[in-house]
Amino acid sequence: MNKKNNANNYKFIDIFLANFYQKYRETILMNRNLLVAGIFGFIASAVIAELYAIYSPSDVLTSTITVVVGFIIYKISFIVLFHIDTKRKYTNNVTSQINFVILKQIIKKMIFAWSIFDIVNNLSRWIILYELLIAGFGPFEAVIITSIAAISLSYLSINIISRRNKIFSSLKTKNS
């Protein structure tokens, strides 16, 4: 009897997770892309912070260069990953032609969400990094703390905005 209950519980969990993934697939993929791109940006920021701290006596300059380099690496990585995940949604499978109406909707909504994400991320990242460097933290430790704080605030903001702005609604109508 106990094995049968366990099997039913696992089946229920599998169904629940499958339905959850289906319902929130686009948001999950976006967050995965943000995470992977964020890791690339973090690594670049950590390396730059360490190198710049050696050669630059200015905490302002170190903070600025670290944030800019991390932003560029993150942004390029995210755009490539997002394109790979979403290109099938605005491209006709048979003719390989781009549906510019859907693509335009996605771009407009994502630019708004990215803008909020980037403002929250870069502003909080710069302020926190600068304050930690002034407080005497090492560059690497400061980047770790800053990245965790800034990315948490940024993820929260982009997920709230993507829900309120219904970024993925145009994708669901095409796939339905």
Protein backbone atom coordinates (compact mmCIF):
# COMPACT_ATOMS: atom_id res chain seq x y z
CA MET A 1 0.00 0.00 0.00
CA ASN A 2 2.83 2.37 0.89
CA LYS A 3 4.58 1.84 -2.49
CA LYS A 4 1.33 2.60 -4.30
CA ASN A 5 0.90 5.89 -2.37
CA ASN A 6 4.49 6.86 -3.16
CA ALA A 7 3.92 6.14 -6.85
CA ASN A 8 0.75 8.27 -6.83
CA ASN A 9 2.59 11.08 -5.03
CA TYR A 10 5.40 11.03 -7.59
CA LYS A 11 2.91 11.00 -10.45
CA PHE A 12 1.08 13.97 -8.92
CA ILE A 13 4.35 15.86 -8.49
CA ASP A 14 5.38 15.07 -12.08
CA ILE A 15 2.06 16.34 -13.42
CA PHE A 16 2.22 19.43 -11.23
CA LEU A 17 5.77 20.26 -12.34
CA ALA A 18 4.96 19.63 -16.00
CA ASN A 19 1.94 21.95 -15.82
CA PHE A 20 3.95 24.57 -13.91
CA TYR A 21 6.75 24.44 -16.49
CA GLN A 22 4.29 24.66 -19.37
CA LYS A 23 2.54 27.66 -17.82
CA TYR A 24 5.72 29.56 -16.91
CA ARG A 25 8.09 28.22 -19.57
CA GLU A 26 8.93 31.59 -21.12
CA THR A 27 9.57 33.20 -17.75
CA ILE A 28 11.73 30.26 -16.67
CA LEU A 29 13.77 30.47 -19.88
CA MET A 30 14.17 34.24 -19.50
CA ASN A 31 15.38 33.81 -15.92
CA ARG A 32 17.76 31.04 -16.99
CA ASN A 33 19.18 33.32 -19.68
CA LEU A 34 19.52 36.15 -17.17
CA LEU A 35 21.32 33.83 -14.78
CA VAL A 36 23.77 32.48 -17.38
CA ALA A 37 24.45 35.97 -18.77
CA GLY A 38 24.80 37.25 -15.22
CA ILE A 39 27.43 34.61 -14.48
CA PHE A 40 29.42 35.73 -17.52
CA GLY A 41 29.07 39.37 -16.44
CA PHE A 42 30.05 38.48 -12.86
CA ILE A 43 33.21 36.69 -13.96
CA ALA A 44 34.20 39.63 -16.15
CA SER A 45 33.44 42.07 -13.31
CA ALA A 46 35.48 40.08 -10.80
CA VAL A 47 38.49 39.93 -13.10
CA ILE A 48 38.27 43.63 -13.98
CA ALA A 49 37.79 44.67 -10.34
CA GLU A 50 40.89 42.76 -9.28
CA LEU A 51 43.00 44.09 -12.16
CA TYR A 52 41.76 47.65 -11.93
CA ALA A 53 42.24 47.77 -8.16
CA ILE A 54 45.93 46.99 -8.73
CA TYR A 55 46.49 49.68 -11.35
CA SER A 56 44.01 52.37 -10.31
CA PRO A 57 44.03 54.24 -7.01
CA SER A 58 40.48 55.51 -7.60
CA ASP A 59 37.53 53.56 -6.17
CA VAL A 60 35.20 55.60 -8.39
CA LEU A 61 37.08 54.58 -11.54
CA THR A 62 37.32 50.94 -10.43
CA SER A 63 33.58 50.83 -9.69
CA THR A 64 32.70 52.49 -12.99
CA ILE A 65 34.91 50.34 -15.22
CA THR A 66 33.85 47.15 -13.39
CA VAL A 67 30.16 47.91 -13.85
CA VAL A 68 30.54 48.93 -17.51
CA VAL A 69 32.54 45.84 -18.51
CA GLY A 70 30.20 43.52 -16.60
CA PHE A 71 27.20 45.21 -18.24
CA ILE A 72 28.58 44.83 -21.76
CA ILE A 73 29.45 41.14 -21.30
CA TYR A 74 26.09 40.44 -19.63
CA LYS A 75 24.06 42.29 -22.27
CA ILE A 76 25.72 40.60 -25.25
CA SER A 77 25.37 37.18 -23.60
CA PHE A 78 21.71 37.73 -22.74
CA ILE A 79 20.77 38.96 -26.22
CA VAL A 80 22.39 35.91 -27.85
CA LEU A 81 20.73 33.47 -25.41
CA PHE A 82 17.33 35.19 -25.65
CA HIS A 83 17.51 35.13 -29.46
CA ILE A 84 18.34 31.41 -29.47
CA ASP A 85 15.35 30.66 -27.21
CA THR A 86 12.80 32.90 -28.93
CA LYS A 87 13.68 32.90 -32.63
CA ARG A 88 11.30 30.01 -33.32
CA LYS A 89 8.44 32.10 -31.94
CA TYR A 90 8.74 34.82 -34.55
CA THR A 91 10.02 32.70 -37.44
CA ASN A 92 7.79 30.59 -39.67
CA ASN A 93 8.93 26.97 -39.41
CA VAL A 94 8.17 26.18 -43.05
CA THR A 95 9.36 29.29 -44.89
CA SER A 96 11.88 30.56 -42.29
CA GLN A 97 10.42 34.05 -42.73
CA ILE A 98 10.35 36.37 -39.76
CA ASN A 99 6.96 37.49 -38.46
CA PHE A 100 7.85 41.12 -37.88
CA VAL A 101 4.59 41.88 -36.05
CA ILE A 102 5.40 39.38 -33.28
CA LEU A 103 9.09 40.31 -33.31
CA LYS A 104 8.24 44.00 -32.94
CA GLN A 105 5.91 43.25 -29.98
CA ILE A 106 8.58 41.18 -28.26
CA ILE A 107 11.28 43.80 -28.81
CA LYS A 108 9.15 46.70 -27.55
CA LYS A 109 8.12 44.87 -24.39
CA MET A 110 11.62 43.51 -23.73
CA ILE A 111 13.29 46.90 -24.22
CA PHE A 112 11.04 48.33 -21.52
CA ALA A 113 11.73 45.42 -19.16
CA TRP A 114 15.48 45.44 -19.92
CA SER A 115 15.64 49.18 -19.29
CA ILE A 116 14.14 48.83 -15.82
CA PHE A 117 16.34 45.80 -15.12
CA ASP A 118 19.47 47.63 -16.27
CA ILE A 119 18.72 50.80 -14.32
CA VAL A 120 18.08 48.87 -11.11
CA ASN A 121 21.04 46.54 -11.70
CA ASN A 122 23.69 49.08 -12.71
CA LEU A 123 22.70 51.83 -10.29
CA SER A 124 22.51 49.50 -7.29
CA ARG A 125 25.67 47.69 -8.43
CA TRP A 126 27.68 50.90 -8.72
CA ILE A 127 26.48 52.37 -5.41
CA ILE A 128 26.97 49.16 -3.43
CA LEU A 129 30.36 48.41 -5.01
CA TYR A 130 31.61 51.93 -4.38
CA GLU A 131 30.46 51.86 -0.75
CA LEU A 132 32.03 48.46 -0.13
CA LEU A 133 35.35 49.55 -1.66
CA ILE A 134 35.34 52.68 0.51
CA ALA A 135 34.54 50.50 3.56
CA GLY A 136 37.73 48.53 2.88
CA PHE A 137 36.39 45.36 1.30
CA GLY A 138 38.68 43.67 -1.22
CA PRO A 139 37.64 44.06 -4.86
CA PHE A 140 36.67 40.41 -5.31
CA GLU A 141 34.61 40.25 -2.11
CA ALA A 142 32.96 43.57 -2.96
CA VAL A 143 31.99 42.29 -6.42
CA ILE A 144 30.48 39.11 -4.95
CA ILE A 145 28.35 40.99 -2.41
CA THR A 146 27.41 43.64 -4.96
CA SER A 147 26.43 41.07 -7.58
CA ILE A 148 24.19 39.15 -5.21
CA ALA A 149 22.42 42.31 -3.98
CA ALA A 150 22.07 43.95 -7.40
CA ILE A 151 20.94 40.83 -9.21
CA SER A 152 18.33 40.07 -6.54
CA LEU A 153 16.82 43.52 -6.95
CA SER A 154 17.04 43.31 -10.75
CA TYR A 155 15.43 39.85 -11.00
CA LEU A 156 12.61 41.00 -8.78
CA SER A 157 12.03 44.07 -10.94
CA ILE A 158 12.13 42.28 -14.32
CA ASN A 159 9.82 39.48 -13.16
CA ILE A 160 7.29 41.96 -11.80
CA ILE A 161 7.45 44.01 -14.99
CA SER A 162 7.25 41.00 -17.31
CA ARG A 163 4.12 39.82 -15.46
CA ARG A 164 2.49 43.27 -15.44
CA ASN A 165 3.54 44.08 -19.00
CA LYS A 166 2.54 40.60 -20.27
CA ILE A 167 5.75 40.26 -22.25
CA PHE A 168 5.10 36.69 -23.25
CA SER A 169 1.40 37.01 -24.14
CA SER A 170 2.19 37.49 -27.85
CA LEU A 171 4.32 34.35 -27.73
CA LYS A 172 1.54 32.25 -26.23
CA THR A 173 -1.00 33.31 -28.85
CA LYS A 174 1.28 32.20 -31.68
CA ASN A 175 2.03 28.85 -30.06
CA SER A 176 -1.61 28.08 -29.19
